[in-house]
Amino acid sequence: MKKILSAIFLVSTLTSFSQSDKIIGEYFLELGNEKHQIEYRLNLNSDGTFGFHSYTNNQNGIPPIVHTYGKGTWNVDGKVVSFITNKEKDLDEKHTLDFSGSKARFVTKPSRDKTDRIIKTKLKFFESEIFWIKGLDIFKT
């Protein structure tokens, strides 16, 4: 009986770790044209931390170039990635974005899908206090 329980625990643990391994990595999105360019870069690290960088180059804006940063920790429950920013530890002059309460769905091609269709691996933000993050699709590189 102990061996069966140990085997079930081992399989469930390996399954949850393999899901996290798929999520870990760099995500990137580039939008705009010559006069207005926006780039988003999100790094999900294996130690459970993340770093976010937003770059905006709007030639008609004041200021024309804006860099915005955020950092904190993340965790995954099924296909939902939750982001937490510790206001005392993670926010400073450079890192001003508070990702607390932000959630994104991990989207990838299902392993049972044997068709030729291409589905890019991405994070789709569906909840966030940062208004321009909600609804954002950012793709894994």
N, C-alpha and C. Protein backbone atom coordinates (compact mmCIF):
# COMPACT_ATOMS: atom_id res chain seq x y z
N MET A 1 0.81 -1.19 0.00
CA MET A 1 0.00 0.00 0.00
C MET A 1 0.86 1.26 0.00
N LYS A 2 1.95 1.24 0.79
CA LYS A 2 2.84 2.39 0.84
C LYS A 2 3.48 2.65 -0.52
N LYS A 3 3.82 1.57 -1.22
CA LYS A 3 4.45 1.72 -2.54
C LYS A 3 3.48 2.35 -3.54
N ILE A 4 2.22 1.97 -3.47
CA ILE A 4 1.22 2.54 -4.39
C ILE A 4 1.04 4.03 -4.10
N LEU A 5 0.90 4.38 -2.83
CA LEU A 5 0.74 5.80 -2.46
C LEU A 5 1.98 6.60 -2.85
N SER A 6 3.14 6.03 -2.64
CA SER A 6 4.39 6.72 -3.03
C SER A 6 4.44 6.93 -4.54
N ALA A 7 4.03 5.93 -5.30
CA ALA A 7 4.04 6.05 -6.76
C ALA A 7 3.06 7.12 -7.23
N ILE A 8 1.87 7.14 -6.64
CA ILE A 8 0.87 8.17 -7.01
C ILE A 8 1.40 9.56 -6.68
N PHE A 9 1.99 9.72 -5.49
CA PHE A 9 2.55 11.01 -5.10
C PHE A 9 3.66 11.43 -6.06
N LEU A 10 4.55 10.51 -6.42
CA LEU A 10 5.66 10.81 -7.32
C LEU A 10 5.15 11.25 -8.69
N VAL A 11 4.18 10.55 -9.23
CA VAL A 11 3.63 10.89 -10.55
C VAL A 11 2.97 12.27 -10.52
N SER A 12 2.18 12.55 -9.47
CA SER A 12 1.52 13.86 -9.39
C SER A 12 2.53 14.98 -9.21
N THR A 13 3.59 14.73 -8.44
CA THR A 13 4.63 15.74 -8.26
C THR A 13 5.36 16.01 -9.56
N LEU A 14 5.73 14.96 -10.28
CA LEU A 14 6.41 15.13 -11.56
C LEU A 14 5.54 15.86 -12.57
N THR A 15 4.25 15.59 -12.57
CA THR A 15 3.33 16.26 -13.48
C THR A 15 3.27 17.75 -13.20
N SER A 16 3.20 18.12 -11.92
CA SER A 16 3.13 19.54 -11.59
C SER A 16 4.44 20.23 -11.92
N PHE A 17 5.59 19.58 -11.71
CA PHE A 17 6.87 20.18 -12.06
C PHE A 17 7.03 20.32 -13.56
N SER A 18 6.55 19.36 -14.32
CA SER A 18 6.70 19.45 -15.78
C SER A 18 5.86 20.60 -16.32
N GLN A 19 4.71 20.88 -15.74
CA GLN A 19 3.89 22.02 -16.16
C GLN A 19 4.65 23.32 -15.91
N SER A 20 5.29 23.44 -14.74
CA SER A 20 6.06 24.65 -14.44
C SER A 20 7.23 24.80 -15.39
N ASP A 21 7.86 23.68 -15.75
CA ASP A 21 9.00 23.75 -16.67
C ASP A 21 8.57 24.29 -18.03
N LYS A 22 7.37 23.97 -18.47
CA LYS A 22 6.88 24.48 -19.75
C LYS A 22 6.63 25.98 -19.69
N ILE A 23 6.23 26.47 -18.54
CA ILE A 23 5.89 27.88 -18.38
C ILE A 23 7.13 28.75 -18.25
N ILE A 24 8.15 28.24 -17.60
CA ILE A 24 9.39 29.00 -17.35
C ILE A 24 9.99 29.46 -18.68
N GLY A 25 10.44 30.72 -18.72
CA GLY A 25 11.12 31.22 -19.91
C GLY A 25 10.82 32.68 -20.16
N GLU A 26 11.17 33.13 -21.36
CA GLU A 26 11.00 34.53 -21.74
C GLU A 26 9.81 34.67 -22.68
N TYR A 27 9.01 35.71 -22.41
CA TYR A 27 7.84 36.03 -23.22
C TYR A 27 8.03 37.43 -23.78
N PHE A 28 7.60 37.63 -25.03
CA PHE A 28 7.87 38.90 -25.70
C PHE A 28 6.71 39.26 -26.62
N LEU A 29 6.43 40.55 -26.71
CA LEU A 29 5.43 41.07 -27.64
C LEU A 29 5.89 42.42 -28.14
N GLU A 30 5.81 42.61 -29.47
CA GLU A 30 6.17 43.89 -30.09
C GLU A 30 4.98 44.38 -30.89
N LEU A 31 4.61 45.63 -30.67
CA LEU A 31 3.47 46.25 -31.35
C LEU A 31 3.89 47.59 -31.94
N GLY A 32 3.11 48.08 -32.90
CA GLY A 32 3.30 49.44 -33.39
C GLY A 32 3.94 49.52 -34.75
N ASN A 33 4.42 50.75 -35.04
CA ASN A 33 5.05 51.05 -36.31
C ASN A 33 6.26 51.94 -36.06
N GLU A 34 6.73 52.64 -37.11
CA GLU A 34 7.93 53.47 -36.98
C GLU A 34 7.76 54.61 -35.97
N LYS A 35 6.57 55.20 -35.91
CA LYS A 35 6.37 56.37 -35.05
C LYS A 35 5.92 56.03 -33.63
N HIS A 36 5.37 54.86 -33.46
CA HIS A 36 4.90 54.47 -32.13
C HIS A 36 5.18 52.97 -31.94
N GLN A 37 6.17 52.67 -31.13
CA GLN A 37 6.59 51.29 -30.92
C GLN A 37 6.43 50.92 -29.44
N ILE A 38 5.89 49.74 -29.19
CA ILE A 38 5.73 49.23 -27.83
C ILE A 38 6.30 47.81 -27.78
N GLU A 39 7.08 47.53 -26.74
CA GLU A 39 7.63 46.19 -26.53
C GLU A 39 7.38 45.79 -25.08
N TYR A 40 6.95 44.54 -24.90
CA TYR A 40 6.77 43.97 -23.58
C TYR A 40 7.66 42.74 -23.47
N ARG A 41 8.36 42.62 -22.36
CA ARG A 41 9.23 41.47 -22.13
C ARG A 41 8.98 40.98 -20.70
N LEU A 42 8.66 39.69 -20.57
CA LEU A 42 8.40 39.07 -19.27
C LEU A 42 9.27 37.84 -19.14
N ASN A 43 10.03 37.77 -18.06
CA ASN A 43 10.86 36.60 -17.77
C ASN A 43 10.31 35.89 -16.55
N LEU A 44 9.93 34.62 -16.73
CA LEU A 44 9.52 33.78 -15.61
C LEU A 44 10.69 32.87 -15.26
N ASN A 45 11.26 33.06 -14.10
CA ASN A 45 12.46 32.33 -13.70
C ASN A 45 12.08 31.07 -12.94
N SER A 46 12.99 30.09 -12.97
CA SER A 46 12.73 28.80 -12.33
C SER A 46 12.66 28.89 -10.81
N ASP A 47 13.19 29.97 -10.22
CA ASP A 47 13.13 30.12 -8.76
C ASP A 47 11.83 30.76 -8.29
N GLY A 48 10.87 30.95 -9.22
CA GLY A 48 9.57 31.51 -8.85
C GLY A 48 9.50 33.02 -8.88
N THR A 49 10.53 33.67 -9.41
CA THR A 49 10.52 35.13 -9.54
C THR A 49 10.26 35.51 -10.99
N PHE A 50 9.86 36.76 -11.20
CA PHE A 50 9.66 37.26 -12.55
C PHE A 50 10.18 38.68 -12.66
N GLY A 51 10.47 39.06 -13.89
CA GLY A 51 10.86 40.43 -14.21
C GLY A 51 10.10 40.86 -15.44
N PHE A 52 9.59 42.09 -15.44
CA PHE A 52 8.81 42.62 -16.55
C PHE A 52 9.41 43.95 -16.98
N HIS A 53 9.47 44.16 -18.31
CA HIS A 53 9.97 45.41 -18.86
C HIS A 53 9.05 45.85 -20.00
N SER A 54 8.60 47.08 -19.92
CA SER A 54 7.80 47.67 -20.99
C SER A 54 8.59 48.83 -21.57
N TYR A 55 8.71 48.83 -22.90
CA TYR A 55 9.43 49.89 -23.61
C TYR A 55 8.45 50.54 -24.58
N THR A 56 8.31 51.85 -24.47
CA THR A 56 7.45 52.60 -25.39
C THR A 56 8.27 53.69 -26.05
N ASN A 57 8.21 53.75 -27.38
CA ASN A 57 8.88 54.80 -28.14
C ASN A 57 7.81 55.48 -28.98
N ASN A 58 7.30 56.59 -28.47
CA ASN A 58 6.28 57.38 -29.16
C ASN A 58 6.91 58.71 -29.52
N GLN A 59 7.23 58.90 -30.81
CA GLN A 59 7.94 60.10 -31.24
C GLN A 59 7.15 61.37 -30.99
N ASN A 60 5.83 61.27 -30.84
CA ASN A 60 5.01 62.44 -30.55
C ASN A 60 4.71 62.59 -29.06
N GLY A 61 5.24 61.68 -28.24
CA GLY A 61 4.96 61.71 -26.81
C GLY A 61 5.93 62.57 -26.04
N ILE A 62 5.55 62.86 -24.81
CA ILE A 62 6.42 63.61 -23.91
C ILE A 62 6.48 62.82 -22.61
N PRO A 63 7.56 62.17 -22.29
CA PRO A 63 8.78 61.99 -23.07
C PRO A 63 8.56 60.96 -24.18
N PRO A 64 9.38 61.01 -25.21
CA PRO A 64 9.18 60.09 -26.34
C PRO A 64 9.48 58.64 -26.00
N ILE A 65 10.44 58.40 -25.12
CA ILE A 65 10.82 57.03 -24.76
C ILE A 65 10.54 56.80 -23.28
N VAL A 66 9.81 55.72 -22.98
CA VAL A 66 9.45 55.40 -21.60
C VAL A 66 9.77 53.94 -21.33
N HIS A 67 10.49 53.70 -20.24
CA HIS A 67 10.78 52.34 -19.76
C HIS A 67 10.03 52.15 -18.45
N THR A 68 9.30 51.03 -18.32
CA THR A 68 8.57 50.72 -17.10
C THR A 68 8.94 49.29 -16.69
N TYR A 69 9.15 49.09 -15.39
CA TYR A 69 9.61 47.80 -14.90
C TYR A 69 8.72 47.29 -13.76
N GLY A 70 8.68 45.97 -13.64
CA GLY A 70 8.00 45.33 -12.53
C GLY A 70 8.72 44.04 -12.19
N LYS A 71 8.58 43.61 -10.95
CA LYS A 71 9.17 42.33 -10.54
C LYS A 71 8.39 41.78 -9.37
N GLY A 72 8.64 40.52 -9.06
CA GLY A 72 7.95 39.87 -7.96
C GLY A 72 8.09 38.37 -8.05
N THR A 73 7.06 37.66 -7.56
CA THR A 73 7.06 36.21 -7.61
C THR A 73 5.82 35.74 -8.37
N TRP A 74 5.89 34.50 -8.84
CA TRP A 74 4.78 33.90 -9.56
C TRP A 74 4.59 32.46 -9.10
N ASN A 75 3.37 31.97 -9.28
CA ASN A 75 3.10 30.56 -9.04
C ASN A 75 2.03 30.12 -10.03
N VAL A 76 1.94 28.81 -10.19
CA VAL A 76 1.01 28.26 -11.17
C VAL A 76 0.07 27.28 -10.48
N ASP A 77 -1.20 27.36 -10.87
CA ASP A 77 -2.22 26.43 -10.39
C ASP A 77 -2.98 25.97 -11.63
N GLY A 78 -2.66 24.76 -12.09
CA GLY A 78 -3.24 24.28 -13.35
C GLY A 78 -2.63 25.05 -14.51
N LYS A 79 -3.46 25.81 -15.21
CA LYS A 79 -2.96 26.62 -16.32
C LYS A 79 -3.03 28.11 -16.01
N VAL A 80 -3.29 28.47 -14.75
CA VAL A 80 -3.38 29.86 -14.34
C VAL A 80 -2.11 30.26 -13.60
N VAL A 81 -1.46 31.30 -14.11
CA VAL A 81 -0.25 31.83 -13.48
C VAL A 81 -0.65 33.08 -12.71
N SER A 82 -0.33 33.10 -11.42
CA SER A 82 -0.65 34.25 -10.56
C SER A 82 0.64 34.99 -10.24
N PHE A 83 0.55 36.32 -10.22
CA PHE A 83 1.70 37.17 -9.97
C PHE A 83 1.51 37.92 -8.66
N ILE A 84 2.58 38.03 -7.88
CA ILE A 84 2.54 38.72 -6.59
C ILE A 84 3.71 39.69 -6.54
N THR A 85 3.44 40.92 -6.14
CA THR A 85 4.50 41.90 -5.93
C THR A 85 4.47 42.29 -4.46
N ASN A 86 5.59 42.11 -3.79
CA ASN A 86 5.73 42.53 -2.40
C ASN A 86 6.04 44.02 -2.42
N LYS A 87 5.11 44.83 -1.94
CA LYS A 87 5.25 46.29 -2.03
C LYS A 87 6.49 46.81 -1.33
N GLU A 88 6.89 46.18 -0.24
CA GLU A 88 8.06 46.65 0.50
C GLU A 88 9.36 46.20 -0.13
N LYS A 89 9.38 45.00 -0.69
CA LYS A 89 10.62 44.42 -1.21
C LYS A 89 10.82 44.64 -2.71
N ASP A 90 9.73 44.58 -3.49
CA ASP A 90 9.86 44.58 -4.95
C ASP A 90 9.68 45.95 -5.60
N LEU A 91 9.01 46.86 -4.95
CA LEU A 91 8.77 48.18 -5.55
C LEU A 91 9.86 49.16 -5.10
N ASP A 92 10.40 49.90 -6.06
CA ASP A 92 11.41 50.93 -5.79
C ASP A 92 11.31 51.97 -6.90
N GLU A 93 12.32 52.83 -7.02
CA GLU A 93 12.29 53.88 -8.05
C GLU A 93 12.22 53.31 -9.46
N LYS A 94 12.90 52.21 -9.70
CA LYS A 94 12.93 51.61 -11.04
C LYS A 94 11.72 50.70 -11.26
N HIS A 95 11.41 49.84 -10.32
CA HIS A 95 10.33 48.86 -10.45
C HIS A 95 9.07 49.44 -9.83
N THR A 96 8.21 50.00 -10.66
CA THR A 96 7.03 50.72 -10.19
C THR A 96 5.72 49.99 -10.44
N LEU A 97 5.73 48.94 -11.24
CA LEU A 97 4.50 48.22 -11.56
C LEU A 97 4.17 47.19 -10.48
N ASP A 98 2.96 47.26 -9.94
CA ASP A 98 2.50 46.32 -8.92
C ASP A 98 1.63 45.27 -9.60
N PHE A 99 2.18 44.08 -9.76
CA PHE A 99 1.49 42.98 -10.44
C PHE A 99 0.59 42.18 -9.50
N SER A 100 0.47 42.57 -8.24
CA SER A 100 -0.37 41.83 -7.30
C SER A 100 -1.79 41.71 -7.84
N GLY A 101 -2.32 40.51 -7.80
CA GLY A 101 -3.67 40.28 -8.30
C GLY A 101 -3.73 40.01 -9.80
N SER A 102 -2.60 40.09 -10.49
CA SER A 102 -2.59 39.81 -11.93
C SER A 102 -2.58 38.30 -12.15
N LYS A 103 -3.38 37.87 -13.11
CA LYS A 103 -3.45 36.45 -13.44
C LYS A 103 -3.45 36.30 -14.96
N ALA A 104 -2.78 35.24 -15.41
CA ALA A 104 -2.70 34.94 -16.85
C ALA A 104 -2.93 33.45 -17.06
N ARG A 105 -3.54 33.14 -18.17
CA ARG A 105 -3.76 31.74 -18.55
C ARG A 105 -2.62 31.31 -19.47
N PHE A 106 -2.04 30.15 -19.18
CA PHE A 106 -0.99 29.57 -20.01
C PHE A 106 -1.66 28.83 -21.15
N VAL A 107 -1.37 29.24 -22.38
CA VAL A 107 -2.01 28.66 -23.57
C VAL A 107 -0.94 28.01 -24.42
N THR A 108 -1.15 26.74 -24.74
CA THR A 108 -0.23 26.00 -25.60
C THR A 108 -1.04 24.97 -26.39
N LYS A 109 -0.44 24.42 -27.41
CA LYS A 109 -1.12 23.40 -28.20
C LYS A 109 -1.27 22.14 -27.36
N PRO A 110 -2.49 21.63 -27.25
CA PRO A 110 -2.70 20.41 -26.45
C PRO A 110 -1.89 19.24 -27.00
N SER A 111 -1.39 18.41 -26.12
CA SER A 111 -0.57 17.26 -26.55
C SER A 111 -1.39 16.26 -27.38
N ARG A 112 -2.70 16.25 -27.19
CA ARG A 112 -3.54 15.33 -27.97
C ARG A 112 -3.91 15.88 -29.34
N ASP A 113 -3.60 17.14 -29.60
CA ASP A 113 -3.90 17.76 -30.89
C ASP A 113 -2.82 17.35 -31.90
N LYS A 114 -3.17 16.49 -32.83
CA LYS A 114 -2.22 15.98 -33.81
C LYS A 114 -2.35 16.68 -35.17
N THR A 115 -3.10 17.78 -35.22
CA THR A 115 -3.28 18.51 -36.48
C THR A 115 -2.05 19.35 -36.78
N ASP A 116 -2.02 19.93 -37.98
CA ASP A 116 -0.89 20.76 -38.41
C ASP A 116 -1.03 22.21 -37.96
N ARG A 117 -2.12 22.56 -37.31
CA ARG A 117 -2.31 23.96 -36.93
C ARG A 117 -1.25 24.39 -35.92
N ILE A 118 -0.86 25.63 -36.04
CA ILE A 118 0.18 26.17 -35.18
C ILE A 118 -0.47 27.03 -34.10
N ILE A 119 -0.19 26.71 -32.87
CA ILE A 119 -0.65 27.49 -31.73
C ILE A 119 0.59 27.93 -30.96
N LYS A 120 0.87 29.24 -30.98
CA LYS A 120 2.03 29.75 -30.28
C LYS A 120 1.78 29.70 -28.77
N THR A 121 2.80 29.29 -28.04
CA THR A 121 2.71 29.26 -26.59
C THR A 121 2.70 30.70 -26.09
N LYS A 122 1.74 31.00 -25.20
CA LYS A 122 1.60 32.38 -24.74
C LYS A 122 1.01 32.42 -23.34
N LEU A 123 1.08 33.60 -22.76
CA LEU A 123 0.36 33.93 -21.54
C LEU A 123 -0.70 34.95 -21.92
N LYS A 124 -1.94 34.71 -21.53
CA LYS A 124 -3.04 35.62 -21.81
C LYS A 124 -3.53 36.18 -20.48
N PHE A 125 -3.23 37.45 -20.23
CA PHE A 125 -3.63 38.09 -18.98
C PHE A 125 -5.14 38.33 -19.00
N PHE A 126 -5.83 37.84 -17.97
CA PHE A 126 -7.27 38.03 -17.91
C PHE A 126 -7.69 38.82 -16.67
N GLU A 127 -6.75 39.09 -15.79
CA GLU A 127 -7.06 39.85 -14.58
C GLU A 127 -5.83 40.64 -14.17
N SER A 128 -6.00 41.96 -13.93
CA SER A 128 -4.90 42.79 -13.48
C SER A 128 -5.42 44.16 -13.08
N GLU A 129 -4.76 44.73 -12.07
CA GLU A 129 -5.06 46.11 -11.67
C GLU A 129 -4.39 47.10 -12.64
N ILE A 130 -3.41 46.63 -13.40
CA ILE A 130 -2.73 47.46 -14.41
C ILE A 130 -3.61 47.40 -15.66
N PHE A 131 -4.27 48.51 -16.00
CA PHE A 131 -5.31 48.47 -17.04
C PHE A 131 -4.80 48.01 -18.39
N TRP A 132 -3.57 48.31 -18.75
CA TRP A 132 -3.08 47.94 -20.07
C TRP A 132 -2.50 46.52 -20.11
N ILE A 133 -2.42 45.86 -18.97
CA ILE A 133 -1.97 44.46 -18.93
C ILE A 133 -3.16 43.53 -19.17
N LYS A 134 -4.32 43.89 -18.64
CA LYS A 134 -5.51 43.03 -18.78
C LYS A 134 -5.85 42.88 -20.26
N GLY A 135 -5.94 41.62 -20.70
CA GLY A 135 -6.23 41.34 -22.11
C GLY A 135 -4.98 41.17 -22.96
N LEU A 136 -3.80 41.37 -22.40
CA LEU A 136 -2.55 41.27 -23.15
C LEU A 136 -2.18 39.81 -23.41
N ASP A 137 -1.82 39.50 -24.65
CA ASP A 137 -1.28 38.19 -25.03
C ASP A 137 0.22 38.38 -25.27
N ILE A 138 1.05 37.68 -24.52
CA ILE A 138 2.49 37.81 -24.68
C ILE A 138 3.05 36.41 -24.96
N PHE A 139 3.86 36.29 -26.02
CA PHE A 139 4.24 35.00 -26.58
C PHE A 139 5.62 34.55 -26.10
N LYS A 140 5.74 33.25 -25.90
CA LYS A 140 7.01 32.68 -25.46
C LYS A 140 8.00 32.67 -26.62
N THR A 141 9.24 33.06 -26.30
CA THR A 141 10.26 33.09 -27.37
C THR A 141 11.06 31.81 -27.38
